C-alpha cells in the first residue's frame, strides 16, 4: 500500500475540493474541480498512482460517486453526522474538510456508510417521489375539509373523499361562494391526479424485474403489502449487510394472527406502545428471515398442521 494515494473529496453543488495524500500524510496534490463530468475526466487523467477516495454523503454525492468509481481502487462514502462529530472544529473550510477526509481514510477511521448500487438508488428515488405524491394528495384532502368548514358547510367526514358523495355534496351546497366551489373542485382534481400518479409509480416498481421476485416473497407475509415491501427492499438495500435485528417497523397485526397474538400478549401487560414495538420487532424478524433465506413465509398454523 506504500504506492497508494488517499484522496478526500469535499463536495458541493458547483465545485469539489480535493486533497491527495500519501500513506505517511504527505500532501501530493490539492485543489478545486468544477463539478462537471468533463472536469472530473480531466482530473482523473492526471492521476499517476492508484488511489482510494472518500467523500461525505450529500445530495450531490451520487452522480460523482458513480462517475469516479471505475477509476478508483476503492471509493467510500462517509456518514455525514458521524463525520461531523469526528471532525468538529472552529476552523472550517472546504480545503480543510477535504484534508480531514483524506486523513480519516488513510488512517482507516472513516465513518463509512452504505452506498447502494446506482440501479437500486434509481428505484429508491422513484419510491421517495411516490411518497411525496402521497403527502400532496393528503394535503389536498385536508384542504377540502378545511374549505368546507370555513363556509360552515355540513358534510360526512367518513365519506367526503368518495367521488360519488363528493359530487353530490357539491350539487347540494347552499350559500357557498362560487370561488369556494371552484377551489373544492381544484382540490379534488389535484388529489385524484396525485393519487393516480403514485399508483402508477407503485405499479411500475412492483413489476421491475430487479426486485419483483424479492417483493413477491416479502408479500407472502400476511400484513405486508406492496408499499411496505417496496420500502423494505429499496430503503434497506442488501439485507445481508445486517446481522442481528436492531430496528423496528410499523406493523399491521390485524392481518396476521401471529403478530396479533404478540400484540395481545403485550397489551395484557398494560402498555400499548410496548405492544406495538413488540409486533414491530417480530415483523422485522419475519421480513429479515424471508429476505435472507429467499423463501416464502410459512404461517405458524401451517407448520403445526404439517407436523
Protein backbone atom coordinates (compact mmCIF):
# COMPACT_ATOMS: atom_id res chain seq x y z
CA UNK A 1 0.00 0.00 0.00
CA UNK A 2 3.06 2.30 0.01
CA UNK A 3 2.34 3.46 -3.54
CA UNK A 4 -1.36 4.01 -2.84
CA UNK A 5 -2.65 7.57 -2.57
CA UNK A 6 -5.61 8.62 -0.41
CA UNK A 7 -7.94 11.32 -1.67
CA UNK A 8 -10.57 13.18 0.30
CA UNK A 9 -13.35 14.99 -1.56
CA UNK A 10 -15.47 17.83 -0.15
CA UNK A 11 -18.48 18.02 -2.45
CA UNK A 12 -20.69 20.99 -3.22
CA UNK A 13 -23.20 21.80 -5.94
CA UNK A 14 -20.78 23.51 -8.31
CA UNK A 15 -17.29 22.63 -7.06
CA UNK A 16 -15.39 19.74 -5.48
CA UNK A 17 -12.41 20.37 -3.21
CA UNK A 18 -9.90 17.52 -3.04
CA UNK A 19 -6.80 16.63 -1.07
CA UNK A 20 -4.49 13.81 -2.19
CA UNK A 21 -2.06 12.31 0.33
CA UNK A 22 0.50 9.57 0.62
CA UNK A 23 0.24 6.96 3.38
CA UNK A 24 2.56 9.00 5.64
CA UNK A 25 0.34 12.08 5.35
CA UNK A 26 2.41 13.98 2.82
CA UNK A 27 0.19 16.11 0.59
CA UNK A 28 0.73 15.22 -3.07
CA UNK A 29 -1.91 17.47 -4.62
CA UNK A 30 -4.91 19.54 -3.61
CA UNK A 31 -7.25 21.97 -5.25
CA UNK A 32 -10.74 22.57 -6.59
CA UNK A 33 -12.52 20.90 -9.51
CA UNK A 34 -15.65 22.20 -11.20
CA UNK A 35 -18.43 19.70 -10.58
CA UNK A 36 -18.93 18.54 -14.16
CA UNK A 37 -18.26 15.17 -15.74
CA UNK A 38 -15.75 16.61 -18.21
CA UNK A 39 -13.72 18.28 -15.48
CA UNK A 40 -13.74 15.06 -13.46
CA UNK A 41 -12.49 13.18 -16.54
CA UNK A 42 -9.66 15.68 -16.94
CA UNK A 43 -8.79 15.38 -13.24
CA UNK A 44 -8.80 11.57 -13.32
CA UNK A 45 -6.50 11.65 -16.34
CA UNK A 46 -3.88 13.46 -14.25
CA UNK A 47 -3.69 10.73 -11.56
CA UNK A 48 -0.42 8.79 -11.93
CA UNK A 49 -0.74 6.47 -8.91
CA UNK A 50 -3.54 4.10 -7.86
CA UNK A 51 -5.82 5.82 -5.38
CA UNK A 52 -8.54 5.25 -2.83
CA UNK A 53 -11.12 8.02 -2.39
CA UNK A 54 -13.72 9.09 0.14
CA UNK A 55 -16.49 11.69 0.23
CA UNK A 56 -19.28 12.76 2.53
CA UNK A 57 -22.84 11.67 1.72
CA UNK A 58 -24.69 14.73 0.36
CA UNK A 59 -27.41 15.49 -2.16
CA UNK A 60 -24.76 15.68 -4.91
CA UNK A 61 -22.66 12.65 -3.93
CA UNK A 62 -24.48 10.01 -6.01
CA UNK A 63 -23.55 11.01 -9.53
CA UNK A 64 -19.98 11.96 -8.55
CA UNK A 65 -19.53 8.60 -6.80
CA UNK A 66 -20.85 6.72 -9.85
CA UNK A 67 -18.60 8.68 -12.20
CA UNK A 68 -15.39 8.19 -10.20
CA UNK A 69 -15.98 4.58 -9.10
CA UNK A 70 -14.49 2.92 -12.23
CA UNK A 71 -11.23 4.85 -11.78
CA UNK A 72 -10.62 4.28 -8.07
CA UNK A 73 -9.12 1.21 -6.41
CA UNK A 74 -11.82 1.77 -3.81
CA UNK A 75 -14.32 4.56 -3.21
CA UNK A 76 -16.04 5.14 0.11
CA UNK A 77 -18.84 7.36 1.39
CA UNK A 78 -18.81 8.84 4.90
CA UNK A 79 -21.84 9.18 7.19
CA UNK A 80 -22.40 12.98 7.46
CA UNK A 81 -23.45 13.13 11.12
CA UNK A 82 -20.71 10.81 12.33
CA UNK A 83 -18.17 12.66 10.20
CA UNK A 84 -19.30 15.96 11.69
CA UNK A 85 -18.87 14.61 15.21
CA UNK A 86 -15.34 13.41 14.47
CA UNK A 87 -14.09 16.48 12.59
CA UNK A 88 -15.88 19.23 14.58
CA UNK A 89 -13.62 22.29 14.77
CA UNK A 90 -13.86 26.06 14.91
CA UNK A 91 -11.70 26.45 11.80
CA UNK A 92 -13.63 25.08 8.86
CA UNK A 93 -13.25 25.46 5.10
CA UNK A 94 -13.55 23.27 2.04
CA UNK A 95 -9.82 22.56 1.72
CA UNK A 96 -9.56 21.63 5.39
CA UNK A 97 -12.60 19.35 5.12
CA UNK A 98 -11.13 17.52 2.13
CA UNK A 99 -7.86 17.04 4.02
CA UNK A 100 -9.64 15.71 7.10
CA UNK A 101 -11.50 13.18 4.98
CA UNK A 102 -8.21 12.11 3.38
CA UNK A 103 -6.62 11.68 6.83
CA UNK A 104 -9.52 9.63 8.15
CA UNK A 105 -9.35 7.48 5.03
CA UNK A 106 -5.62 6.74 5.21
CA UNK A 107 -5.82 6.04 8.98
CA UNK A 108 -8.80 3.71 8.46
CA UNK A 109 -11.00 5.86 10.71
CA UNK A 110 -13.59 6.96 8.15
CA UNK A 111 -17.19 6.54 9.48
CA UNK A 112 -18.31 4.73 6.35
CA UNK A 113 -21.96 4.37 5.35
CA UNK A 114 -23.66 2.03 2.92
CA UNK A 115 -23.82 3.14 -0.71
CA UNK A 116 -26.42 1.24 -2.69
CA UNK A 117 -25.72 0.38 -6.35
CA UNK A 118 -26.77 3.00 -8.88
CA UNK A 119 -29.66 0.90 -10.25
CA UNK A 120 -31.04 0.43 -6.76
CA UNK A 121 -30.77 4.16 -5.97
CA UNK A 122 -32.67 4.97 -9.14
CA UNK A 123 -35.58 2.81 -7.98
CA UNK A 124 -35.40 4.25 -4.47
CA UNK A 125 -35.67 7.76 -5.93
CA UNK A 126 -38.93 6.76 -7.63
CA UNK A 127 -40.31 5.36 -4.36
CA UNK A 128 -39.45 8.56 -2.48
CA UNK A 129 -41.09 10.63 -5.21
CA UNK A 130 -44.17 8.43 -4.85
CA UNK A 131 -44.18 9.19 -1.13
CA UNK A 132 -44.09 12.91 -1.97
CA UNK A 133 -47.19 12.47 -4.16
CA UNK A 134 -48.99 10.69 -1.32
CA UNK A 135 -48.22 13.59 1.02
CA UNK A 136 -49.50 16.08 -1.55
CA UNK A 137 -52.71 14.09 -2.01
CA UNK A 138 -53.18 14.09 1.76
CA UNK A 139 -52.75 17.87 1.83
CA UNK A 140 -55.49 18.24 -0.78
CA UNK A 141 -57.82 16.07 1.29
CA UNK A 142 -57.17 18.25 4.32
CA UNK A 143 -57.69 21.40 2.28
CA UNK A 144 -61.04 20.12 1.01
CA UNK A 145 -62.31 19.63 4.54
CA UNK A 146 -60.90 23.00 5.61
CA UNK A 147 -62.68 24.85 2.81
CA UNK A 148 -66.00 23.27 3.79
CA UNK A 149 -65.50 24.19 7.45
CA UNK A 150 -64.60 27.78 6.55
CA UNK A 151 -68.01 28.32 4.95
CA UNK A 152 -69.99 26.34 7.54
CA UNK A 153 -70.94 23.52 5.18
CA UNK A 154 -72.02 20.21 6.72
CA UNK A 155 -70.50 17.02 5.37
CA UNK A 156 -69.91 13.36 6.21
CA UNK A 157 -66.26 13.13 7.19
CA UNK A 158 -66.06 9.40 6.55
CA UNK A 159 -67.47 9.67 3.01
CA UNK A 160 -66.05 13.04 1.99
CA UNK A 161 -63.35 11.74 -0.32
CA UNK A 162 -65.53 9.24 -2.16
CA UNK A 163 -66.16 10.54 -5.68
CA UNK A 164 -69.94 9.99 -5.79
CA UNK A 165 -70.55 11.55 -2.39
CA UNK A 166 -68.28 14.50 -3.15
CA UNK A 167 -70.11 15.32 -6.38
CA UNK A 168 -73.50 15.01 -4.67
CA UNK A 169 -72.27 17.28 -1.89
CA UNK A 170 -71.20 19.99 -4.34
CA UNK A 171 -74.60 19.95 -6.02
CA UNK A 172 -76.43 20.47 -2.71
CA UNK A 173 -74.25 23.14 -1.09
CA UNK A 174 -76.20 26.32 -0.38
CA UNK A 175 -74.87 29.75 0.50
CA UNK A 176 -71.37 28.76 -0.59
CA UNK A 177 -69.41 31.30 -2.69
CA UNK A 178 -68.63 30.30 -6.26
CA UNK A 179 -64.94 30.78 -5.53
CA UNK A 180 -65.09 28.11 -2.82
CA UNK A 181 -66.86 25.67 -5.14
CA UNK A 182 -64.09 26.21 -7.70
CA UNK A 183 -61.41 25.66 -5.08
CA UNK A 184 -63.12 22.47 -3.92
CA UNK A 185 -63.11 21.16 -7.48
CA UNK A 186 -59.46 22.09 -7.88
CA UNK A 187 -58.54 20.35 -4.63
CA UNK A 188 -60.43 17.25 -5.71
CA UNK A 189 -58.78 17.20 -9.15
CA UNK A 190 -55.33 17.65 -7.62
CA UNK A 191 -55.94 14.86 -5.12
CA UNK A 192 -57.05 12.48 -7.88
CA UNK A 193 -54.05 13.41 -10.03
CA UNK A 194 -51.55 12.81 -7.23
CA UNK A 195 -53.25 9.55 -6.28
CA UNK A 196 -53.26 8.28 -9.85
CA UNK A 197 -49.60 9.13 -10.32
CA UNK A 198 -48.49 7.43 -7.11
CA UNK A 199 -50.37 4.26 -8.05
CA UNK A 200 -48.67 4.30 -11.47
CA UNK A 201 -45.25 4.56 -9.84
CA UNK A 202 -46.01 1.77 -7.34
CA UNK A 203 -47.17 -0.50 -10.17
CA UNK A 204 -44.00 0.17 -12.17
CA UNK A 205 -41.78 -0.52 -9.17
CA UNK A 206 -43.61 -3.70 -8.24
CA UNK A 207 -43.12 -5.11 -11.73
CA UNK A 208 -39.48 -4.08 -12.07
CA UNK A 209 -37.50 -7.29 -12.80
CA UNK A 210 -34.66 -6.22 -10.49
CA UNK A 211 -36.83 -6.51 -7.38
CA UNK A 212 -40.14 -8.18 -8.33
CA UNK A 213 -39.21 -11.65 -7.02
CA UNK A 214 -37.93 -10.23 -3.75
CA UNK A 215 -41.16 -8.26 -3.33
CA UNK A 216 -43.28 -11.34 -4.03
CA UNK A 217 -41.52 -13.28 -1.27
CA UNK A 218 -41.90 -10.48 1.26
CA UNK A 219 -45.60 -10.06 0.46
CA UNK A 220 -46.15 -13.72 1.36
CA UNK A 221 -46.09 -12.42 4.97
CA UNK A 222 -49.66 -11.55 5.90
CA UNK A 223 -49.87 -7.86 6.76
CA UNK A 224 -47.09 -6.87 4.36
CA UNK A 225 -48.48 -5.01 1.36
CA UNK A 226 -46.72 -3.73 -1.72
CA UNK A 227 -45.74 -0.36 -0.24
CA UNK A 228 -44.28 -1.94 2.91
CA UNK A 229 -42.38 -4.47 0.79
CA UNK A 230 -41.11 -1.76 -1.55
CA UNK A 231 -39.99 0.38 1.36
CA UNK A 232 -38.14 -2.54 2.90
CA UNK A 233 -36.38 -3.53 -0.31
CA UNK A 234 -35.43 -0.05 -1.50
CA UNK A 235 -34.54 1.55 1.83
CA UNK A 236 -32.78 -1.48 3.37
CA UNK A 237 -30.92 -2.42 0.20
CA UNK A 238 -28.76 -5.51 0.58
CA UNK A 239 -30.25 -7.34 3.56
CA UNK A 240 -27.13 -9.46 4.01
CA UNK A 241 -25.22 -6.44 5.31
CA UNK A 242 -27.23 -6.72 8.54
CA UNK A 243 -26.52 -9.09 11.36
CA UNK A 244 -28.89 -9.17 14.31
CA UNK A 245 -32.05 -7.12 14.14
CA UNK A 246 -31.60 -3.65 15.58
CA UNK A 247 -34.62 -1.68 14.43
CA UNK A 248 -38.38 -1.92 14.13
CA UNK A 249 -41.02 -1.07 11.57
CA UNK A 250 -44.64 -0.02 11.67
CA UNK A 251 -46.86 -3.07 11.54
CA UNK A 252 -50.37 -4.27 10.76
CA UNK A 253 -51.16 -7.15 13.18
CA UNK A 254 -54.82 -7.12 12.09
CA UNK A 255 -53.83 -9.18 9.04
CA UNK A 256 -51.51 -11.63 10.71
CA UNK A 257 -52.66 -13.96 13.53
CA UNK A 258 -49.12 -14.48 14.80
CA UNK A 259 -48.49 -10.75 15.05
CA UNK A 260 -51.90 -10.25 16.60
CA UNK A 261 -51.02 -12.81 19.26
CA UNK A 262 -47.79 -10.96 20.07
CA UNK A 263 -49.73 -7.70 20.26
CA UNK A 264 -52.35 -9.11 22.62
CA UNK A 265 -49.73 -10.62 24.94
CA UNK A 266 -48.08 -7.24 25.39
CA UNK A 267 -51.39 -5.39 25.67
CA UNK A 268 -52.34 -7.58 28.62
CA UNK A 269 -49.30 -6.19 30.38
CA UNK A 270 -50.89 -2.75 30.09
CA UNK A 271 -48.57 -0.89 27.73
CA UNK A 272 -49.87 -0.16 24.22
CA UNK A 273 -46.60 1.35 22.99
CA UNK A 274 -44.65 -1.70 24.07
CA UNK A 275 -47.21 -3.89 22.31
CA UNK A 276 -46.70 -2.01 19.05
CA UNK A 277 -42.93 -2.22 19.43
CA UNK A 278 -43.07 -5.96 20.13
CA UNK A 279 -45.10 -6.53 16.97
CA UNK A 280 -42.74 -4.31 15.01
CA UNK A 281 -39.73 -6.35 16.09
CA UNK A 282 -41.48 -9.59 15.21
CA UNK A 283 -42.45 -8.36 11.75
CA UNK A 284 -38.92 -7.16 11.07
CA UNK A 285 -37.74 -10.63 12.07
CA UNK A 286 -40.14 -12.14 9.52
CA UNK A 287 -39.02 -9.74 6.81
CA UNK A 288 -35.37 -10.41 7.55
CA UNK A 289 -35.82 -14.18 7.54
CA UNK A 290 -37.77 -14.24 4.26
CA UNK A 291 -35.37 -11.82 2.59
CA UNK A 292 -32.21 -13.62 3.65
CA UNK A 293 -33.45 -17.16 3.02
CA UNK A 294 -35.22 -16.24 -0.23
CA UNK A 295 -38.17 -18.45 0.70
CA UNK A 296 -41.86 -17.68 1.06
CA UNK A 297 -43.23 -17.13 4.56
CA UNK A 298 -44.93 -20.16 6.11
CA UNK A 299 -47.52 -19.29 8.81
CA UNK A 300 -47.29 -20.98 12.20
CA UNK A 301 -50.59 -22.81 11.79
CA UNK A 302 -49.40 -24.37 8.52
CA UNK A 303 -46.24 -25.63 10.18
CA UNK A 304 -48.24 -27.08 13.06
CA UNK A 305 -50.56 -28.96 10.67
CA UNK A 306 -47.59 -30.32 8.74
CA UNK A 307 -46.05 -31.57 11.97
